[in-house]
Amino acid sequence: MMGDVDHDFAAMMISHHRGAIEMARVEVAYGHHADLRQMAVGMILAQSAEIVELRTWLAAEAED
């Protein structure tokens, strides 16, 4: 935590999304219900894209 709400939010959301992606990967690999596996695939794609956006934002902020 850096004390900057925006920076801390972005950094913490990256960590949060990583955890969600790991849980979704387990569902895709071992889950029995097709609808949940499909939802997990969508979560992996969406949250991976959000991680890229958050990292981009953090990098731009670091340059300022």
N, C-alpha and C. Protein backbone atom coordinates (compact mmCIF):
# COMPACT_ATOMS: atom_id res chain seq x y z
N MET A 1 0.85 -1.17 0.00
CA MET A 1 0.00 0.00 0.00
C MET A 1 0.90 1.24 0.00
N MET A 2 0.54 2.15 -0.88
CA MET A 2 1.34 3.36 -1.01
C MET A 2 0.64 4.59 -0.44
N GLY A 3 -0.61 4.43 -0.02
CA GLY A 3 -1.34 5.57 0.50
C GLY A 3 -2.05 6.37 -0.56
N ASP A 4 -1.90 5.98 -1.82
CA ASP A 4 -2.61 6.61 -2.92
C ASP A 4 -3.76 5.67 -3.28
N VAL A 5 -4.97 6.10 -3.06
CA VAL A 5 -6.13 5.24 -3.22
C VAL A 5 -6.19 4.63 -4.62
N ASP A 6 -5.95 5.42 -5.64
CA ASP A 6 -6.03 4.92 -7.01
C ASP A 6 -4.97 3.85 -7.27
N HIS A 7 -3.75 4.15 -6.91
CA HIS A 7 -2.65 3.19 -7.10
C HIS A 7 -2.92 1.92 -6.31
N ASP A 8 -3.29 2.06 -5.06
CA ASP A 8 -3.53 0.89 -4.21
C ASP A 8 -4.68 0.05 -4.75
N PHE A 9 -5.74 0.69 -5.23
CA PHE A 9 -6.86 -0.03 -5.82
C PHE A 9 -6.38 -0.86 -7.01
N ALA A 10 -5.66 -0.23 -7.93
CA ALA A 10 -5.19 -0.93 -9.12
C ALA A 10 -4.30 -2.11 -8.74
N ALA A 11 -3.37 -1.89 -7.84
CA ALA A 11 -2.45 -2.95 -7.44
C ALA A 11 -3.17 -4.09 -6.74
N MET A 12 -4.10 -3.76 -5.88
CA MET A 12 -4.83 -4.80 -5.15
C MET A 12 -5.79 -5.56 -6.07
N MET A 13 -6.35 -4.88 -7.06
CA MET A 13 -7.24 -5.56 -8.00
C MET A 13 -6.48 -6.56 -8.86
N ILE A 14 -5.24 -6.25 -9.19
CA ILE A 14 -4.42 -7.22 -9.95
C ILE A 14 -4.28 -8.50 -9.13
N SER A 15 -3.96 -8.36 -7.88
CA SER A 15 -3.82 -9.53 -7.01
C SER A 15 -5.15 -10.28 -6.87
N HIS A 16 -6.22 -9.54 -6.71
CA HIS A 16 -7.55 -10.13 -6.60
C HIS A 16 -7.90 -10.92 -7.86
N HIS A 17 -7.65 -10.32 -9.02
CA HIS A 17 -7.96 -10.99 -10.29
C HIS A 17 -7.10 -12.24 -10.49
N ARG A 18 -5.84 -12.18 -10.08
CA ARG A 18 -4.99 -13.37 -10.19
C ARG A 18 -5.58 -14.53 -9.42
N GLY A 19 -6.06 -14.25 -8.21
CA GLY A 19 -6.68 -15.30 -7.41
C GLY A 19 -7.93 -15.85 -8.08
N ALA A 20 -8.75 -14.98 -8.63
CA ALA A 20 -9.96 -15.41 -9.32
C ALA A 20 -9.63 -16.26 -10.55
N ILE A 21 -8.59 -15.88 -11.26
CA ILE A 21 -8.17 -16.64 -12.44
C ILE A 21 -7.72 -18.03 -12.03
N GLU A 22 -6.97 -18.13 -10.96
CA GLU A 22 -6.52 -19.45 -10.49
C GLU A 22 -7.70 -20.33 -10.11
N MET A 23 -8.69 -19.76 -9.41
CA MET A 23 -9.89 -20.53 -9.05
C MET A 23 -10.64 -20.95 -10.31
N ALA A 24 -10.75 -20.06 -11.29
CA ALA A 24 -11.45 -20.38 -12.52
C ALA A 24 -10.72 -21.48 -13.29
N ARG A 25 -9.41 -21.47 -13.27
CA ARG A 25 -8.64 -22.53 -13.95
C ARG A 25 -8.92 -23.89 -13.33
N VAL A 26 -9.06 -23.93 -12.03
CA VAL A 26 -9.39 -25.19 -11.36
C VAL A 26 -10.77 -25.67 -11.81
N GLU A 27 -11.72 -24.75 -11.89
CA GLU A 27 -13.07 -25.10 -12.35
C GLU A 27 -13.03 -25.65 -13.77
N VAL A 28 -12.29 -24.98 -14.65
CA VAL A 28 -12.20 -25.43 -16.04
C VAL A 28 -11.59 -26.83 -16.10
N ALA A 29 -10.58 -27.07 -15.32
CA ALA A 29 -9.87 -28.36 -15.36
C ALA A 29 -10.65 -29.49 -14.71
N TYR A 30 -11.36 -29.20 -13.62
CA TYR A 30 -11.94 -30.29 -12.84
C TYR A 30 -13.45 -30.20 -12.61
N GLY A 31 -14.06 -29.10 -13.01
CA GLY A 31 -15.49 -28.92 -12.78
C GLY A 31 -16.32 -29.89 -13.60
N HIS A 32 -17.51 -30.20 -13.09
CA HIS A 32 -18.39 -31.16 -13.74
C HIS A 32 -19.54 -30.51 -14.50
N HIS A 33 -19.82 -29.25 -14.21
CA HIS A 33 -20.97 -28.59 -14.83
C HIS A 33 -20.50 -27.67 -15.96
N ALA A 34 -21.00 -27.95 -17.16
CA ALA A 34 -20.58 -27.20 -18.35
C ALA A 34 -20.84 -25.70 -18.21
N ASP A 35 -21.97 -25.34 -17.59
CA ASP A 35 -22.29 -23.91 -17.46
C ASP A 35 -21.29 -23.20 -16.56
N LEU A 36 -20.85 -23.84 -15.50
CA LEU A 36 -19.86 -23.23 -14.63
C LEU A 36 -18.48 -23.19 -15.29
N ARG A 37 -18.14 -24.23 -16.04
CA ARG A 37 -16.87 -24.21 -16.76
C ARG A 37 -16.85 -23.09 -17.78
N GLN A 38 -17.98 -22.91 -18.48
CA GLN A 38 -18.07 -21.83 -19.47
C GLN A 38 -17.96 -20.47 -18.79
N MET A 39 -18.60 -20.30 -17.64
CA MET A 39 -18.51 -19.05 -16.88
C MET A 39 -17.06 -18.81 -16.45
N ALA A 40 -16.39 -19.88 -16.03
CA ALA A 40 -15.00 -19.75 -15.59
C ALA A 40 -14.10 -19.31 -16.74
N VAL A 41 -14.33 -19.84 -17.93
CA VAL A 41 -13.54 -19.42 -19.10
C VAL A 41 -13.75 -17.93 -19.35
N GLY A 42 -14.99 -17.48 -19.27
CA GLY A 42 -15.27 -16.05 -19.45
C GLY A 42 -14.58 -15.20 -18.41
N MET A 43 -14.55 -15.68 -17.17
CA MET A 43 -13.87 -14.94 -16.10
C MET A 43 -12.37 -14.85 -16.37
N ILE A 44 -11.79 -15.94 -16.83
CA ILE A 44 -10.36 -15.93 -17.14
C ILE A 44 -10.05 -14.89 -18.20
N LEU A 45 -10.85 -14.87 -19.25
CA LEU A 45 -10.62 -13.91 -20.34
C LEU A 45 -10.83 -12.48 -19.88
N ALA A 46 -11.93 -12.23 -19.19
CA ALA A 46 -12.25 -10.86 -18.76
C ALA A 46 -11.25 -10.34 -17.74
N GLN A 47 -10.92 -11.17 -16.77
CA GLN A 47 -10.04 -10.68 -15.72
C GLN A 47 -8.60 -10.58 -16.19
N SER A 48 -8.21 -11.42 -17.15
CA SER A 48 -6.87 -11.27 -17.74
C SER A 48 -6.77 -9.94 -18.47
N ALA A 49 -7.82 -9.59 -19.20
CA ALA A 49 -7.84 -8.29 -19.89
C ALA A 49 -7.80 -7.13 -18.90
N GLU A 50 -8.51 -7.27 -17.80
CA GLU A 50 -8.50 -6.20 -16.79
C GLU A 50 -7.13 -6.06 -16.15
N ILE A 51 -6.43 -7.16 -15.95
CA ILE A 51 -5.07 -7.09 -15.41
C ILE A 51 -4.18 -6.28 -16.35
N VAL A 52 -4.30 -6.52 -17.64
CA VAL A 52 -3.52 -5.75 -18.62
C VAL A 52 -3.86 -4.27 -18.51
N GLU A 53 -5.14 -3.94 -18.42
CA GLU A 53 -5.56 -2.54 -18.29
C GLU A 53 -5.00 -1.91 -17.01
N LEU A 54 -5.07 -2.64 -15.92
CA LEU A 54 -4.58 -2.11 -14.64
C LEU A 54 -3.07 -1.91 -14.67
N ARG A 55 -2.34 -2.86 -15.25
CA ARG A 55 -0.88 -2.72 -15.37
C ARG A 55 -0.52 -1.54 -16.26
N THR A 56 -1.27 -1.36 -17.33
CA THR A 56 -1.05 -0.22 -18.23
C THR A 56 -1.26 1.08 -17.48
N TRP A 57 -2.32 1.15 -16.70
CA TRP A 57 -2.60 2.35 -15.92
C TRP A 57 -1.48 2.61 -14.92
N LEU A 58 -1.05 1.57 -14.20
CA LEU A 58 0.03 1.73 -13.22
C LEU A 58 1.32 2.21 -13.89
N ALA A 59 1.63 1.65 -15.06
CA ALA A 59 2.84 2.06 -15.78
C ALA A 59 2.76 3.52 -16.20
N ALA A 60 1.61 3.94 -16.67
CA ALA A 60 1.44 5.34 -17.08
C ALA A 60 1.56 6.26 -15.88
N GLU A 61 1.02 5.86 -14.76
CA GLU A 61 1.13 6.67 -13.54
C GLU A 61 2.57 6.79 -13.07
N ALA A 62 3.33 5.72 -13.22
CA ALA A 62 4.73 5.73 -12.81
C ALA A 62 5.56 6.71 -13.65
N GLU A 63 5.14 6.92 -14.90
CA GLU A 63 5.86 7.84 -15.78
C GLU A 63 5.59 9.30 -15.46
N ASP A 64 4.46 9.55 -14.81
CA ASP A 64 4.09 10.95 -14.50
C ASP A 64 4.95 11.55 -13.43
